[in-house]
Amino acid sequence: MPFAKTVSAGTFIEREPYEKGFTDFFERNIKERLVEVEKQRFVFLDQYRRRKKVAVALYSAELAITIFLFYIIQDESVLLLSFFVAVFIFGWMRQPVSKYHSHVKEGIISKLIKFFGTLAFSENGKIDGNILRDASVTPVFQHYTGSDHISGEYDGVPMEMCEVKLENEGRKNNKHIVVFIGEIFHIRLRKPFHGRTVVKRDGGLLGNLLNAQFSGSQRVKLEDPKFEGIFDVFSTDQVEARYLLTTAFMERLLALRDMYSKNGSIKCEFFSNHLFIMVETGTNLFEVGDIEKSCLDTEDIHRFLGQMHSVFQVIEVLKLNKYTGL
């Protein structure tokens, strides 16, 4: 999560109703850690700048050697070897930056989420891959990478979320093809739904016919024409689908998408005892900002609180504890 420039570095001023009480929480739990991380940032920054100078020299030498060897040997394997050497140099150069990012994530985000109650953060954790495969809205994939996993309960409802990258095997040169990059939200219910209901971007007439044909479900007409132009809804239980997909829920779903990705798509599915939401972002959400900038700035903490609030709003508008007997 980037900590971008703000007016008052190291100071948090509440702006939104859902931020109420966070200023005191920030002073007691976050500010001291931010100061510590800021000191560490200067250490990592110095290491990075030194390595960057060495890397430039190594790149120059490597390029000269590669050109010379390729001219003598005329073998493309020289270029391949040169590529791997360049990747190694780049990784070595960026190592201090990666360590700094981990310090911020483990030291700050893990504390931030305590404001919301019983939530935990794991930089390398991820949602169970079987849940992804069980959801019909998930694209077909062979490789699954997850990170920045947040899990726990909100208002007694078990939930988890993480950044996800899904890939397929390509036909040429066995290259991986990215089929999804974004945030996935998984809410586990204690009472299963009767049917399977899917909400996705409007696919047009042909897309609707194909979805209905292959899913064995029926198109659900939404009450609000605004959302009819944005979403397609298919369900095996029309009554349950209309009960769940109120105008308020669709509005919160759009708000969730906008909070995480203005230009991305969103889709969700109710099945078994799961509510599964996918927001396509194309980028990592919790990546730390430029190591050259101070981490004492709090502007993106506001954004983080807003993102978490948007998730909780989806849970609240569904009134899951009422609908599912939690």
Protein backbone atom coordinates (compact mmCIF):
# COMPACT_ATOMS: atom_id res chain seq x y z
CA MET A 1 0.00 0.00 0.00
CA PRO A 2 1.62 3.29 -1.02
CA PHE A 3 1.99 6.01 1.57
CA ALA A 4 1.79 9.08 -0.62
CA LYS A 5 2.33 12.76 0.04
CA THR A 6 -0.08 14.57 2.35
CA VAL A 7 -0.29 17.95 4.05
CA SER A 8 0.48 16.83 7.61
CA ALA A 9 3.13 14.13 7.68
CA GLY A 10 2.81 11.79 10.64
CA THR A 11 -0.60 13.20 11.63
CA PHE A 12 -4.01 11.65 10.97
CA ILE A 13 -7.12 13.83 10.76
CA GLU A 14 -10.48 12.05 10.53
CA ARG A 15 -12.51 12.93 7.43
CA GLU A 16 -15.23 10.31 7.15
CA PRO A 17 -17.74 8.89 9.64
CA TYR A 18 -16.19 5.43 9.33
CA GLU A 19 -12.84 6.90 10.45
CA LYS A 20 -14.26 7.95 13.82
CA GLY A 21 -11.88 6.95 16.59
CA PHE A 22 -9.00 6.23 14.25
CA THR A 23 -6.98 9.35 15.23
CA ASP A 24 -6.61 8.02 18.76
CA PHE A 25 -5.89 4.52 17.40
CA PHE A 26 -3.26 6.00 15.06
CA GLU A 27 -1.50 7.86 17.88
CA ARG A 28 -1.45 4.80 20.13
CA ASN A 29 -0.66 2.06 17.60
CA ILE A 30 0.62 3.39 14.28
CA LYS A 31 2.56 6.63 14.63
CA GLU A 32 5.49 5.24 16.61
CA ARG A 33 5.87 2.40 14.14
CA LEU A 34 5.77 4.83 11.22
CA VAL A 35 8.64 6.79 12.78
CA GLU A 36 10.66 3.58 13.18
CA VAL A 37 9.99 2.54 9.58
CA GLU A 38 10.97 6.01 8.37
CA LYS A 39 14.37 5.59 10.03
CA GLN A 40 14.74 2.16 8.40
CA ARG A 41 13.76 3.69 5.06
CA PHE A 42 16.87 5.87 5.07
CA VAL A 43 19.05 2.79 5.69
CA PHE A 44 17.45 0.83 2.86
CA LEU A 45 17.52 3.90 0.62
CA ASP A 46 21.27 4.29 1.13
CA GLN A 47 21.79 0.60 0.32
CA TYR A 48 19.63 0.88 -2.77
CA ARG A 49 21.45 3.94 -4.10
CA ARG A 50 24.83 2.27 -3.62
CA ARG A 51 23.68 -0.91 -5.37
CA LYS A 52 22.12 1.10 -8.17
CA LYS A 53 25.50 2.67 -8.99
CA VAL A 54 27.17 -0.75 -8.99
CA ALA A 55 24.37 -2.23 -11.08
CA VAL A 56 24.77 0.44 -13.76
CA ALA A 57 28.46 -0.42 -14.03
CA LEU A 58 27.70 -4.15 -14.15
CA TYR A 59 25.02 -3.67 -16.82
CA SER A 60 27.46 -1.71 -18.97
CA ALA A 61 30.16 -4.36 -18.60
CA GLU A 62 27.67 -7.17 -19.26
CA LEU A 63 26.39 -5.48 -22.41
CA ALA A 64 29.91 -5.07 -23.77
CA ILE A 65 30.81 -8.70 -23.00
CA THR A 66 27.54 -9.95 -24.55
CA ILE A 67 28.13 -8.04 -27.79
CA PHE A 68 31.71 -9.32 -27.98
CA LEU A 69 30.81 -12.97 -27.31
CA PHE A 70 27.87 -12.94 -29.70
CA TYR A 71 30.10 -11.48 -32.42
CA ILE A 72 32.69 -14.24 -31.83
CA ILE A 73 30.43 -17.25 -31.15
CA GLN A 74 27.30 -16.29 -33.12
CA ASP A 75 25.15 -18.32 -30.73
CA GLU A 76 21.77 -17.09 -29.43
CA SER A 77 22.41 -18.87 -26.12
CA VAL A 78 24.74 -15.98 -25.31
CA LEU A 79 21.77 -13.61 -25.41
CA LEU A 80 19.74 -15.91 -23.19
CA LEU A 81 22.56 -16.11 -20.65
CA SER A 82 22.90 -12.34 -20.76
CA PHE A 83 19.20 -11.97 -20.02
CA PHE A 84 19.41 -14.16 -16.90
CA VAL A 85 22.48 -12.28 -15.67
CA ALA A 86 20.62 -8.98 -16.14
CA VAL A 87 17.64 -10.31 -14.16
CA PHE A 88 19.98 -11.39 -11.34
CA ILE A 89 21.63 -7.96 -11.23
CA PHE A 90 18.25 -6.23 -11.18
CA GLY A 91 17.01 -8.46 -8.34
CA TRP A 92 20.18 -7.82 -6.34
CA MET A 93 19.84 -4.06 -6.90
CA ARG A 94 16.17 -4.03 -5.80
CA GLN A 95 16.65 -6.22 -2.72
CA PRO A 96 16.79 -3.26 -0.25
CA VAL A 97 13.54 -1.92 -1.76
CA SER A 98 11.84 -5.30 -1.31
CA LYS A 99 12.99 -5.48 2.30
CA TYR A 100 11.66 -1.98 2.92
CA HIS A 101 8.28 -2.95 1.42
CA SER A 102 8.07 -5.97 3.72
CA HIS A 103 8.87 -3.82 6.76
CA VAL A 104 6.01 -1.47 5.91
CA LYS A 105 3.52 -4.25 5.23
CA GLU A 106 4.26 -6.36 8.27
CA GLY A 107 4.91 -3.40 10.54
CA ILE A 108 2.07 -1.08 9.53
CA ILE A 109 -0.70 -2.88 7.65
CA SER A 110 -0.76 -5.65 10.25
CA LYS A 111 -1.39 -2.94 12.86
CA LEU A 112 -3.85 -0.95 10.73
CA ILE A 113 -6.31 -3.81 10.40
CA LYS A 114 -6.52 -4.18 14.19
CA PHE A 115 -8.70 -1.07 14.07
CA PHE A 116 -11.42 -3.25 12.53
CA GLY A 117 -11.35 -5.95 15.21
CA THR A 118 -10.40 -9.60 14.79
CA LEU A 119 -8.54 -9.40 11.47
CA ALA A 120 -5.08 -10.70 10.64
CA PHE A 121 -2.64 -9.84 7.84
CA SER A 122 -0.19 -12.13 6.03
CA GLU A 123 1.99 -10.76 3.24
CA ASN A 124 2.37 -14.20 1.61
CA GLY A 125 -0.99 -15.73 2.55
CA LYS A 126 -3.81 -16.43 0.12
CA ILE A 127 -7.34 -17.80 -0.23
CA ASP A 128 -7.71 -21.56 -0.64
CA GLY A 129 -7.38 -22.37 -4.35
CA ASN A 130 -10.28 -24.84 -4.14
CA ILE A 131 -12.64 -21.94 -3.39
CA LEU A 132 -11.44 -20.18 -6.54
CA ARG A 133 -12.03 -23.27 -8.64
CA ASP A 134 -15.50 -23.86 -7.19
CA ALA A 135 -16.64 -20.39 -8.24
CA SER A 136 -17.94 -20.28 -11.82
CA VAL A 137 -16.94 -16.60 -12.21
CA THR A 138 -13.27 -17.53 -11.87
CA PRO A 139 -11.51 -17.86 -15.25
CA VAL A 140 -9.83 -21.17 -16.03
CA PHE A 141 -6.28 -21.14 -14.63
CA GLN A 142 -3.32 -23.42 -13.97
CA HIS A 143 -1.17 -21.11 -11.84
CA TYR A 144 -2.34 -19.16 -8.81
CA THR A 145 -0.32 -16.56 -6.89
CA GLY A 146 -1.75 -14.79 -3.85
CA SER A 147 -0.44 -12.16 -1.45
CA ASP A 148 -1.46 -9.58 1.15
CA HIS A 149 -4.06 -11.83 2.72
CA ILE A 150 -6.46 -10.29 5.25
CA SER A 151 -8.70 -12.65 7.18
CA GLY A 152 -10.91 -12.79 10.24
CA GLU A 153 -14.46 -11.77 11.14
CA TYR A 154 -16.50 -8.62 10.68
CA ASP A 155 -19.62 -8.33 12.82
CA GLY A 156 -19.44 -12.08 13.40
CA VAL A 157 -19.19 -12.89 9.66
CA PRO A 158 -16.04 -14.81 8.56
CA MET A 159 -14.32 -13.04 5.66
CA GLU A 160 -11.02 -12.95 3.81
CA MET A 161 -9.48 -11.04 0.95
CA CYS A 162 -6.21 -11.06 -0.95
CA GLU A 163 -4.46 -9.91 -4.08
CA VAL A 164 -4.51 -12.60 -6.75
CA LYS A 165 -2.76 -13.34 -10.02
CA LEU A 166 -4.15 -16.19 -12.15
CA GLU A 167 -2.30 -17.56 -15.18
CA ASN A 168 -2.77 -20.18 -17.88
CA GLU A 169 -0.21 -22.08 -19.91
CA GLY A 170 0.31 -20.47 -23.30
CA ARG A 171 0.46 -22.46 -26.52
CA LYS A 172 3.74 -20.90 -27.65
CA ASN A 173 7.00 -21.41 -25.75
CA ASN A 174 5.01 -22.48 -22.65
CA LYS A 175 4.67 -18.84 -21.64
CA HIS A 176 2.15 -18.06 -18.93
CA ILE A 177 -0.85 -15.97 -19.95
CA VAL A 178 -2.32 -13.75 -17.23
CA VAL A 179 -6.11 -14.21 -17.06
CA PHE A 180 -6.77 -12.18 -13.91
CA ILE A 181 -5.00 -9.68 -11.66
CA GLY A 182 -6.95 -8.10 -8.86
CA GLU A 183 -8.56 -8.41 -5.45
CA ILE A 184 -10.73 -11.31 -4.38
CA PHE A 185 -13.14 -11.17 -1.45
CA HIS A 186 -14.53 -14.32 0.12
CA ILE A 187 -17.30 -14.28 2.73
CA ARG A 188 -18.13 -17.64 4.26
CA LEU A 189 -21.68 -18.21 5.44
CA ARG A 190 -22.94 -20.66 8.03
CA LYS A 191 -26.13 -21.37 6.10
CA PRO A 192 -25.94 -22.22 2.38
CA PHE A 193 -27.88 -20.54 -0.39
CA HIS A 194 -30.49 -22.61 -2.22
CA GLY A 195 -29.27 -21.70 -5.69
CA ARG A 196 -26.26 -20.30 -7.50
CA THR A 197 -26.45 -16.63 -8.48
CA VAL A 198 -23.85 -14.89 -10.67
CA VAL A 199 -23.41 -11.16 -11.26
CA LYS A 200 -21.03 -10.06 -14.01
CA ARG A 201 -20.49 -7.33 -16.59
CA ASP A 202 -23.13 -7.06 -19.31
CA GLY A 203 -22.05 -9.40 -22.10
CA GLY A 204 -24.64 -8.36 -24.68
CA LEU A 205 -27.26 -10.60 -26.27
CA LEU A 206 -24.83 -13.31 -27.45
CA GLY A 207 -23.02 -13.35 -24.12
CA ASN A 208 -26.29 -13.69 -22.24
CA LEU A 209 -27.42 -16.62 -24.40
CA LEU A 210 -24.10 -18.43 -23.94
CA ASN A 211 -24.08 -17.85 -20.18
CA ALA A 212 -27.59 -19.20 -19.79
CA GLN A 213 -26.86 -22.18 -22.04
CA PHE A 214 -23.68 -23.33 -20.32
CA SER A 215 -24.57 -22.49 -16.72
CA GLY A 216 -28.03 -24.02 -16.72
CA SER A 217 -29.37 -20.86 -15.07
CA GLN A 218 -31.85 -18.20 -16.11
CA ARG A 219 -31.43 -14.47 -16.68
CA VAL A 220 -32.64 -12.36 -13.77
CA LYS A 221 -34.16 -8.97 -14.58
CA LEU A 222 -32.94 -6.26 -12.22
CA GLU A 223 -35.25 -3.60 -10.79
CA ASP A 224 -33.00 -0.66 -11.65
CA PRO A 225 -32.41 0.02 -15.39
CA LYS A 226 -29.08 1.68 -14.51
CA PHE A 227 -27.69 -1.62 -13.28
CA GLU A 228 -29.35 -3.51 -16.14
CA GLY A 229 -26.98 -1.63 -18.44
CA ILE A 230 -23.95 -2.58 -16.33
CA PHE A 231 -24.57 -6.09 -15.01
CA ASP A 232 -25.89 -9.41 -16.22
CA VAL A 233 -27.41 -11.64 -13.54
CA PHE A 234 -28.00 -15.37 -13.88
CA SER A 235 -29.40 -17.67 -11.23
CA THR A 236 -30.76 -21.14 -10.66
CA ASP A 237 -33.16 -19.64 -8.10
CA GLN A 238 -34.97 -16.53 -9.33
CA VAL A 239 -36.70 -15.81 -6.02
CA GLU A 240 -33.51 -15.99 -3.98
CA ALA A 241 -31.62 -13.89 -6.53
CA ARG A 242 -34.13 -11.04 -6.35
CA TYR A 243 -34.10 -11.28 -2.56
CA LEU A 244 -30.32 -10.82 -2.51
CA LEU A 245 -29.73 -8.41 -5.37
CA THR A 246 -31.45 -5.30 -4.11
CA THR A 247 -30.71 -1.85 -5.54
CA ALA A 248 -28.76 -1.07 -2.37
CA PHE A 249 -26.55 -4.12 -2.85
CA MET A 250 -25.82 -3.29 -6.47
CA GLU A 251 -24.90 0.27 -5.47
CA ARG A 252 -22.50 -1.03 -2.81
CA LEU A 253 -21.03 -3.46 -5.33
CA LEU A 254 -20.28 -0.58 -7.70
CA ALA A 255 -18.86 1.46 -4.82
CA LEU A 256 -16.57 -1.45 -3.95
CA ARG A 257 -15.36 -1.62 -7.54
CA ASP A 258 -14.74 2.12 -7.71
CA MET A 259 -12.83 2.10 -4.43
CA TYR A 260 -10.44 -0.60 -5.63
CA SER A 261 -10.33 0.04 -9.37
CA LYS A 262 -12.04 2.87 -11.25
CA ASN A 263 -11.50 1.20 -14.62
CA GLY A 264 -11.69 -2.44 -13.58
CA SER A 265 -14.55 -4.89 -13.82
CA ILE A 266 -16.30 -6.60 -10.93
CA LYS A 267 -18.22 -9.85 -10.68
CA CYS A 268 -19.60 -11.86 -7.81
CA GLU A 269 -21.28 -15.14 -7.07
CA PHE A 270 -23.47 -16.60 -4.34
CA PHE A 271 -23.05 -20.38 -4.11
CA SER A 272 -23.15 -23.03 -1.42
CA ASN A 273 -22.20 -21.07 1.71
CA HIS A 274 -19.98 -18.55 -0.08
CA LEU A 275 -20.17 -14.99 -1.36
CA PHE A 276 -17.29 -14.59 -3.81
CA ILE A 277 -16.32 -11.21 -5.30
CA MET A 278 -13.60 -10.51 -7.89
CA VAL A 279 -12.39 -6.99 -8.71
CA GLU A 280 -10.00 -6.70 -11.64
CA THR A 281 -7.36 -4.06 -10.88
CA GLY A 282 -4.38 -4.99 -13.07
CA THR A 283 -2.01 -3.80 -10.33
CA ASN A 284 -0.95 -4.61 -6.79
CA LEU A 285 -3.01 -2.65 -4.27
CA PHE A 286 -0.86 -2.82 -1.18
CA GLU A 287 2.47 -2.05 -2.76
CA VAL A 288 4.47 0.48 -0.78
CA GLY A 289 5.23 3.80 -2.43
CA ASP A 290 8.53 5.07 -3.76
CA ILE A 291 11.38 4.42 -1.34
CA GLU A 292 12.53 7.96 -2.11
CA LYS A 293 9.38 9.36 -0.41
CA SER A 294 8.62 9.56 3.30
CA CYS A 295 6.35 6.91 4.79
CA LEU A 296 5.16 9.36 7.48
CA ASP A 297 2.49 10.65 5.12
CA THR A 298 -1.00 9.38 5.91
CA GLU A 299 -3.02 10.13 2.78
CA ASP A 300 -3.16 6.52 1.62
CA ILE A 301 -4.11 5.34 5.07
CA HIS A 302 -7.35 7.20 4.38
CA ARG A 303 -7.65 5.25 1.13
CA PHE A 304 -6.99 1.95 2.91
CA LEU A 305 -9.69 2.70 5.49
CA GLY A 306 -12.08 3.56 2.66
CA GLN A 307 -11.33 0.30 0.87
CA MET A 308 -11.99 -1.77 3.97
CA HIS A 309 -15.17 0.20 4.67
CA SER A 310 -16.46 -0.57 1.17
CA VAL A 311 -16.07 -4.30 1.86
CA PHE A 312 -17.89 -4.04 5.17
CA GLN A 313 -20.69 -2.05 3.51
CA VAL A 314 -21.37 -4.98 1.16
CA ILE A 315 -21.70 -7.29 4.16
CA GLU A 316 -23.92 -4.86 6.04
CA VAL A 317 -26.28 -4.13 3.16
CA LEU A 318 -26.87 -7.82 2.67
CA LYS A 319 -27.65 -8.18 6.37
CA LEU A 320 -26.00 -11.59 6.21
CA ASN A 321 -26.59 -12.29 9.87
CA LYS A 322 -30.35 -11.97 9.23
CA TYR A 323 -30.46 -13.76 5.87
CA THR A 324 -28.30 -16.70 6.83
CA GLY A 325 -29.17 -17.22 10.47
CA LEU A 326 -25.67 -16.36 11.67
